[in-house]
Amino acid sequence: MNYAQAHVTPGGQGRGGPPADPGKIHRRTPMACTFCRGRKLKCDGRGTCGNCERRGIPCVYIPVSEQQK
């Protein structure tokens, strides 16, 4: 078997997941908390994000403009 044949996805749909719901709008979180940013995790942007809530740690948001100073 050659390399190209081993990595062909059935139906040619790329990642193979279900098709995206065309009616659903995905919003990008404007800012991640310091924990999620440091661990490169998806932050949900709530007052206390889900990742920090699960770990029981304080959820702190620092605006990007203040970080660069």
N, C-alpha and C. Protein backbone atom coordinates (compact mmCIF):
# COMPACT_ATOMS: atom_id res chain seq x y z
N MET A 1 0.87 -1.18 0.00
CA MET A 1 0.00 0.00 0.00
C MET A 1 0.90 1.23 0.00
N ASN A 2 0.58 2.18 -0.84
CA ASN A 2 1.43 3.37 -0.85
C ASN A 2 0.81 4.45 0.02
N TYR A 3 1.59 5.46 0.36
CA TYR A 3 1.18 6.51 1.31
C TYR A 3 -0.10 7.21 0.88
N ALA A 4 -0.25 7.56 -0.36
CA ALA A 4 -1.43 8.30 -0.83
C ALA A 4 -2.70 7.48 -0.65
N GLN A 5 -2.62 6.17 -0.85
CA GLN A 5 -3.80 5.33 -0.72
C GLN A 5 -4.22 5.15 0.74
N ALA A 6 -3.26 5.18 1.65
CA ALA A 6 -3.55 4.93 3.05
C ALA A 6 -4.31 6.07 3.72
N HIS A 7 -4.27 7.28 3.16
CA HIS A 7 -4.87 8.42 3.81
C HIS A 7 -6.03 9.04 3.03
N VAL A 8 -6.73 8.23 2.26
CA VAL A 8 -7.88 8.72 1.51
C VAL A 8 -9.10 8.61 2.42
N THR A 9 -9.85 9.69 2.54
CA THR A 9 -11.05 9.67 3.38
C THR A 9 -12.25 9.26 2.54
N PRO A 10 -13.14 8.44 3.09
CA PRO A 10 -14.31 8.03 2.33
C PRO A 10 -15.21 9.23 2.03
N GLY A 11 -15.62 9.34 0.80
CA GLY A 11 -16.51 10.42 0.42
C GLY A 11 -15.82 11.75 0.21
N GLY A 12 -14.53 11.84 0.52
CA GLY A 12 -13.77 13.06 0.30
C GLY A 12 -14.25 14.24 1.13
N GLN A 13 -14.70 14.02 2.37
CA GLN A 13 -15.23 15.09 3.20
C GLN A 13 -14.23 15.65 4.18
N GLY A 14 -12.97 15.44 3.96
CA GLY A 14 -11.96 16.05 4.84
C GLY A 14 -11.89 15.37 6.19
N ARG A 15 -12.42 15.98 7.22
CA ARG A 15 -12.29 15.46 8.59
C ARG A 15 -13.29 14.36 8.90
N GLY A 16 -14.28 14.14 8.07
CA GLY A 16 -15.19 13.03 8.26
C GLY A 16 -16.28 13.26 9.29
N GLY A 17 -16.35 14.42 9.89
CA GLY A 17 -17.39 14.72 10.87
C GLY A 17 -18.70 15.05 10.17
N PRO A 18 -19.75 15.22 10.95
CA PRO A 18 -21.02 15.58 10.33
C PRO A 18 -20.95 16.97 9.72
N PRO A 19 -21.72 17.22 8.68
CA PRO A 19 -21.68 18.56 8.07
C PRO A 19 -22.17 19.62 9.04
N ALA A 20 -21.60 20.80 8.93
CA ALA A 20 -21.97 21.90 9.81
C ALA A 20 -23.41 22.31 9.57
N ASP A 21 -24.10 22.70 10.62
CA ASP A 21 -25.47 23.17 10.51
C ASP A 21 -25.45 24.56 9.88
N PRO A 22 -26.01 24.72 8.68
CA PRO A 22 -25.92 26.01 8.01
C PRO A 22 -26.65 27.14 8.74
N GLY A 23 -27.62 26.81 9.60
CA GLY A 23 -28.36 27.84 10.31
C GLY A 23 -27.69 28.30 11.59
N LYS A 24 -26.67 27.59 12.04
CA LYS A 24 -26.01 27.92 13.30
C LYS A 24 -24.83 28.85 13.05
N ILE A 25 -24.77 29.95 13.78
CA ILE A 25 -23.69 30.91 13.64
C ILE A 25 -22.70 30.68 14.77
N HIS A 26 -21.44 30.46 14.41
CA HIS A 26 -20.39 30.26 15.41
C HIS A 26 -19.77 31.61 15.73
N ARG A 27 -19.84 31.98 16.98
CA ARG A 27 -19.27 33.25 17.44
C ARG A 27 -17.90 32.99 18.04
N ARG A 28 -16.94 33.83 17.74
CA ARG A 28 -15.61 33.71 18.31
C ARG A 28 -15.57 34.47 19.63
N THR A 29 -15.01 33.84 20.66
CA THR A 29 -14.86 34.50 21.94
C THR A 29 -13.87 35.63 21.78
N PRO A 30 -14.23 36.86 22.19
CA PRO A 30 -13.33 37.99 21.96
C PRO A 30 -12.02 37.91 22.73
N MET A 31 -12.02 37.21 23.86
CA MET A 31 -10.81 37.18 24.68
C MET A 31 -10.82 35.92 25.54
N ALA A 32 -9.68 35.25 25.65
CA ALA A 32 -9.56 34.07 26.49
C ALA A 32 -8.97 34.47 27.84
N CYS A 33 -9.32 33.71 28.88
CA CYS A 33 -8.75 33.99 30.21
C CYS A 33 -7.27 33.59 30.20
N THR A 34 -6.55 34.00 31.23
CA THR A 34 -5.11 33.75 31.28
C THR A 34 -4.79 32.25 31.31
N PHE A 35 -5.59 31.45 32.02
CA PHE A 35 -5.34 30.01 32.09
C PHE A 35 -5.50 29.37 30.72
N CYS A 36 -6.63 29.66 30.05
CA CYS A 36 -6.88 29.07 28.72
C CYS A 36 -5.85 29.54 27.70
N ARG A 37 -5.47 30.79 27.78
CA ARG A 37 -4.48 31.32 26.85
C ARG A 37 -3.13 30.64 27.07
N GLY A 38 -2.76 30.45 28.32
CA GLY A 38 -1.48 29.81 28.62
C GLY A 38 -1.44 28.35 28.21
N ARG A 39 -2.56 27.65 28.34
CA ARG A 39 -2.63 26.23 27.98
C ARG A 39 -3.12 26.01 26.55
N LYS A 40 -3.44 27.10 25.84
CA LYS A 40 -3.97 27.06 24.48
C LYS A 40 -5.23 26.19 24.42
N LEU A 41 -6.16 26.49 25.34
CA LEU A 41 -7.44 25.80 25.39
C LEU A 41 -8.54 26.69 24.86
N LYS A 42 -9.64 26.10 24.45
CA LYS A 42 -10.80 26.86 24.01
C LYS A 42 -11.48 27.44 25.24
N CYS A 43 -11.55 28.76 25.32
CA CYS A 43 -12.19 29.46 26.43
C CYS A 43 -13.59 29.87 25.99
N ASP A 44 -14.59 29.65 26.84
CA ASP A 44 -15.95 30.01 26.44
C ASP A 44 -16.29 31.46 26.73
N GLY A 45 -15.42 32.21 27.40
CA GLY A 45 -15.59 33.65 27.59
C GLY A 45 -16.61 34.06 28.64
N ARG A 46 -17.13 33.12 29.41
CA ARG A 46 -18.07 33.48 30.48
C ARG A 46 -17.32 34.12 31.64
N GLY A 47 -18.04 34.63 32.62
CA GLY A 47 -17.42 35.26 33.79
C GLY A 47 -16.38 34.35 34.42
N THR A 48 -16.75 33.11 34.70
CA THR A 48 -15.82 32.06 35.07
C THR A 48 -15.97 30.99 34.00
N CYS A 49 -14.94 30.82 33.19
CA CYS A 49 -15.06 29.89 32.06
C CYS A 49 -15.16 28.45 32.55
N GLY A 50 -15.62 27.58 31.69
CA GLY A 50 -15.82 26.18 32.05
C GLY A 50 -14.54 25.48 32.47
N ASN A 51 -13.41 25.81 31.82
CA ASN A 51 -12.14 25.17 32.17
C ASN A 51 -11.71 25.54 33.59
N CYS A 52 -11.80 26.82 33.93
CA CYS A 52 -11.42 27.26 35.28
C CYS A 52 -12.41 26.75 36.31
N GLU A 53 -13.68 26.73 35.96
CA GLU A 53 -14.71 26.25 36.88
C GLU A 53 -14.48 24.78 37.24
N ARG A 54 -14.16 23.95 36.23
CA ARG A 54 -13.90 22.53 36.47
C ARG A 54 -12.69 22.32 37.37
N ARG A 55 -11.68 23.18 37.22
CA ARG A 55 -10.45 23.03 38.00
C ARG A 55 -10.50 23.76 39.34
N GLY A 56 -11.52 24.60 39.53
CA GLY A 56 -11.65 25.32 40.79
C GLY A 56 -10.61 26.41 40.96
N ILE A 57 -10.20 27.02 39.86
CA ILE A 57 -9.20 28.09 39.93
C ILE A 57 -9.85 29.42 39.55
N PRO A 58 -9.28 30.54 39.99
CA PRO A 58 -9.85 31.84 39.62
C PRO A 58 -9.69 32.09 38.13
N CYS A 59 -10.73 32.63 37.52
CA CYS A 59 -10.72 32.91 36.09
C CYS A 59 -10.45 34.40 35.90
N VAL A 60 -9.31 34.73 35.32
CA VAL A 60 -8.88 36.13 35.19
C VAL A 60 -8.73 36.49 33.72
N TYR A 61 -9.33 37.61 33.35
CA TYR A 61 -9.22 38.12 31.98
C TYR A 61 -8.38 39.39 32.00
N ILE A 62 -7.32 39.42 31.21
CA ILE A 62 -6.48 40.61 31.09
C ILE A 62 -6.56 41.07 29.64
N PRO A 63 -7.01 42.30 29.40
CA PRO A 63 -7.09 42.79 28.02
C PRO A 63 -5.73 42.73 27.34
N VAL A 64 -5.73 42.43 26.06
CA VAL A 64 -4.49 42.27 25.28
C VAL A 64 -3.65 43.53 25.34
N SER A 65 -4.27 44.71 25.31
CA SER A 65 -3.50 45.96 25.32
C SER A 65 -2.67 46.09 26.61
N GLU A 66 -3.18 45.58 27.72
CA GLU A 66 -2.43 45.66 28.99
C GLU A 66 -1.31 44.63 29.03
N GLN A 67 -1.47 43.50 28.33
CA GLN A 67 -0.44 42.47 28.34
C GLN A 67 0.80 42.91 27.57
N GLN A 68 0.62 43.69 26.53
CA GLN A 68 1.74 44.08 25.68
C GLN A 68 2.59 45.18 26.28
N LYS A 69 2.12 45.83 27.32
CA LYS A 69 2.87 46.94 27.93
C LYS A 69 4.00 46.43 28.79
